Every structure is written in structure tokens, then in C-alpha cells.
Amino acid sequence: MSIFKQQTRLFVENQFRNKKKYNFLCSQWKILSIRESVDKLPEKRKMVFTKSKIDGKKKEVAEELGISVKAIEKPISNIQYSL
């Protein structure tokens, strides 16, 4: 194999490794920034967001708060927009 081909192969392999590492770091950064944003929410909004979006329990949240499911969907979309 020629030197050029070897260098090209090594370059491509390094770029692939770096891209995987970059993507992983970006994912971790996004997770941390979402956690920080959710932690800054008022307690009631934080509960609505985590139970409905993370746990997938909109109906239970609505029943617990004594409101309709539709009534919690608007605040959730506002929260998602702010994240």
C-alpha cells in the first residue's frame, strides 16, 4: 500500500473517531443543558414537565392537578420552546 493511501486511511479513521467523540460530547452537553433548564423551572411546571414528557403520564398529571389534559399541553409546549 502506498504512503498516500496509508495516510488517507489513517486520516479517515481519525476523522470518524473524532466525529463519534464530538457527537457523544454534543449529546452529553444537550442533556446537561436540558437538566439545568428544567431545574430552573417553578416547582409546579417542573412536575408537569417531568411527569408528562419524561414519564409520559399526561392524564395522571391532569387528574392530580384537577385540570384537563389539554390544559397542560400548552404550558408543556411553552416549556419545550424555552429549552
C-alpha atoms as a PDB file:
ATOM      1  CA  MET A   1       0.000   0.000   0.000  1.00  0.00           C
ATOM      2  CA  SER A   2       1.333   3.413  -0.907  1.00  0.00           C
ATOM      3  CA  ILE A   3       2.182   6.023   1.701  1.00  0.00           C
ATOM      4  CA  PHE A   4      -0.579   8.273   0.351  1.00  0.00           C
ATOM      5  CA  LYS A   5      -3.193   5.519   0.759  1.00  0.00           C
ATOM      6  CA  GLN A   6      -1.976   4.744   4.273  1.00  0.00           C
ATOM      7  CA  GLN A   7      -2.109   8.397   5.275  1.00  0.00           C
ATOM      8  CA  THR A   8      -5.544   8.790   3.723  1.00  0.00           C
ATOM      9  CA  ARG A   9      -6.849   5.707   5.523  1.00  0.00           C
ATOM     10  CA  LEU A  10      -5.448   6.927   8.847  1.00  0.00           C
ATOM     11  CA  PHE A  11      -6.895  10.386   8.288  1.00  0.00           C
ATOM     12  CA  VAL A  12     -10.369   8.956   7.564  1.00  0.00           C
ATOM     13  CA  GLU A  13     -10.209   6.664  10.599  1.00  0.00           C
ATOM     14  CA  ASN A  14      -9.207   9.556  12.865  1.00  0.00           C
ATOM     15  CA  GLN A  15     -11.964  11.761  11.494  1.00  0.00           C
ATOM     16  CA  PHE A  16     -14.512   9.030  12.157  1.00  0.00           C
ATOM     17  CA  ARG A  17     -13.290   8.564  15.719  1.00  0.00           C
ATOM     18  CA  ASN A  18     -13.316  12.297  16.322  1.00  0.00           C
ATOM     19  CA  LYS A  19     -16.817  12.616  14.878  1.00  0.00           C
ATOM     20  CA  LYS A  20     -18.114   9.905  17.204  1.00  0.00           C
ATOM     21  CA  LYS A  21     -16.477  11.624  20.154  1.00  0.00           C
ATOM     22  CA  TYR A  22     -17.843  15.010  19.039  1.00  0.00           C
ATOM     23  CA  ASN A  23     -21.373  13.614  18.667  1.00  0.00           C
ATOM     24  CA  PHE A  24     -21.137  11.977  22.086  1.00  0.00           C
ATOM     25  CA  LEU A  25     -19.956  15.211  23.714  1.00  0.00           C
ATOM     26  CA  CYS A  26     -22.718  17.195  21.992  1.00  0.00           C
ATOM     27  CA  SER A  27     -25.314  14.728  23.259  1.00  0.00           C
ATOM     28  CA  GLN A  28     -23.987  14.986  26.801  1.00  0.00           C
ATOM     29  CA  TRP A  29     -23.965  18.782  26.615  1.00  0.00           C
ATOM     30  CA  LYS A  30     -27.582  18.832  25.411  1.00  0.00           C
ATOM     31  CA  ILE A  31     -28.663  16.546  28.249  1.00  0.00           C
ATOM     32  CA  LEU A  32     -26.925  18.720  30.834  1.00  0.00           C
ATOM     33  CA  SER A  33     -28.394  21.931  29.447  1.00  0.00           C
ATOM     34  CA  ILE A  34     -31.914  20.438  29.458  1.00  0.00           C
ATOM     35  CA  ARG A  35     -31.454  19.301  33.061  1.00  0.00           C
ATOM     36  CA  GLU A  36     -30.268  22.762  34.084  1.00  0.00           C
ATOM     37  CA  SER A  37     -33.212  24.406  32.315  1.00  0.00           C
ATOM     38  CA  VAL A  38     -35.734  22.054  33.908  1.00  0.00           C
ATOM     39  CA  ASP A  39     -34.173  22.614  37.341  1.00  0.00           C
ATOM     40  CA  LYS A  40     -34.742  26.366  36.941  1.00  0.00           C
ATOM     41  CA  LEU A  41     -38.494  25.919  36.348  1.00  0.00           C
ATOM     42  CA  PRO A  42     -41.002  26.674  39.106  1.00  0.00           C
ATOM     43  CA  GLU A  43     -41.853  23.538  41.080  1.00  0.00           C
ATOM     44  CA  LYS A  44     -45.325  23.024  39.554  1.00  0.00           C
ATOM     45  CA  ARG A  45     -44.062  23.412  35.967  1.00  0.00           C
ATOM     46  CA  LYS A  46     -41.140  21.125  36.685  1.00  0.00           C
ATOM     47  CA  MET A  47     -43.528  18.451  37.945  1.00  0.00           C
ATOM     48  CA  VAL A  48     -45.821  18.858  34.924  1.00  0.00           C
ATOM     49  CA  PHE A  49     -42.896  18.677  32.513  1.00  0.00           C
ATOM     50  CA  THR A  50     -41.143  15.696  34.062  1.00  0.00           C
ATOM     51  CA  LYS A  51     -44.258  13.618  34.647  1.00  0.00           C
ATOM     52  CA  SER A  52     -45.797  14.326  31.269  1.00  0.00           C
ATOM     53  CA  LYS A  53     -42.755  14.362  28.998  1.00  0.00           C
ATOM     54  CA  ILE A  54     -40.290  12.088  30.709  1.00  0.00           C
ATOM     55  CA  ASP A  55     -42.688   9.652  32.391  1.00  0.00           C
ATOM     56  CA  GLY A  56     -45.364  10.018  29.673  1.00  0.00           C
ATOM     57  CA  LYS A  57     -48.202  10.488  32.186  1.00  0.00           C
ATOM     58  CA  LYS A  58     -50.212  13.499  30.978  1.00  0.00           C
ATOM     59  CA  LYS A  59     -53.511  12.026  32.119  1.00  0.00           C
ATOM     60  CA  GLU A  60     -52.245  11.344  35.646  1.00  0.00           C
ATOM     61  CA  VAL A  61     -50.795  14.860  35.922  1.00  0.00           C
ATOM     62  CA  ALA A  62     -54.068  16.388  34.760  1.00  0.00           C
ATOM     63  CA  GLU A  63     -56.060  14.327  37.273  1.00  0.00           C
ATOM     64  CA  GLU A  64     -53.636  15.191  40.080  1.00  0.00           C
ATOM     65  CA  LEU A  65     -53.948  18.919  39.336  1.00  0.00           C
ATOM     66  CA  GLY A  66     -57.691  18.742  38.663  1.00  0.00           C
ATOM     67  CA  ILE A  67     -57.399  20.071  35.117  1.00  0.00           C
ATOM     68  CA  SER A  68     -57.884  18.709  31.608  1.00  0.00           C
ATOM     69  CA  VAL A  69     -55.094  17.121  29.583  1.00  0.00           C
ATOM     70  CA  LYS A  70     -55.440  19.980  27.064  1.00  0.00           C
ATOM     71  CA  ALA A  71     -54.767  22.471  29.870  1.00  0.00           C
ATOM     72  CA  ILE A  72     -51.303  21.027  30.480  1.00  0.00           C
ATOM     73  CA  GLU A  73     -50.325  20.690  26.816  1.00  0.00           C
ATOM     74  CA  LYS A  74     -49.930  24.445  26.238  1.00  0.00           C
ATOM     75  CA  PRO A  75     -47.555  25.008  29.193  1.00  0.00           C
ATOM     76  CA  ILE A  76     -45.563  21.958  28.111  1.00  0.00           C
ATOM     77  CA  SER A  77     -45.119  23.339  24.602  1.00  0.00           C
ATOM     78  CA  ASN A  78     -44.058  26.685  26.129  1.00  0.00           C
ATOM     79  CA  ILE A  79     -41.501  24.889  28.294  1.00  0.00           C
ATOM     80  CA  GLN A  80     -40.145  22.927  25.316  1.00  0.00           C
ATOM     81  CA  TYR A  81     -39.848  26.137  23.317  1.00  0.00           C
ATOM     82  CA  SER A  82     -37.868  27.780  26.130  1.00  0.00           C
ATOM     83  CA  LEU A  83     -35.460  24.836  26.307  1.00  0.00           C
END
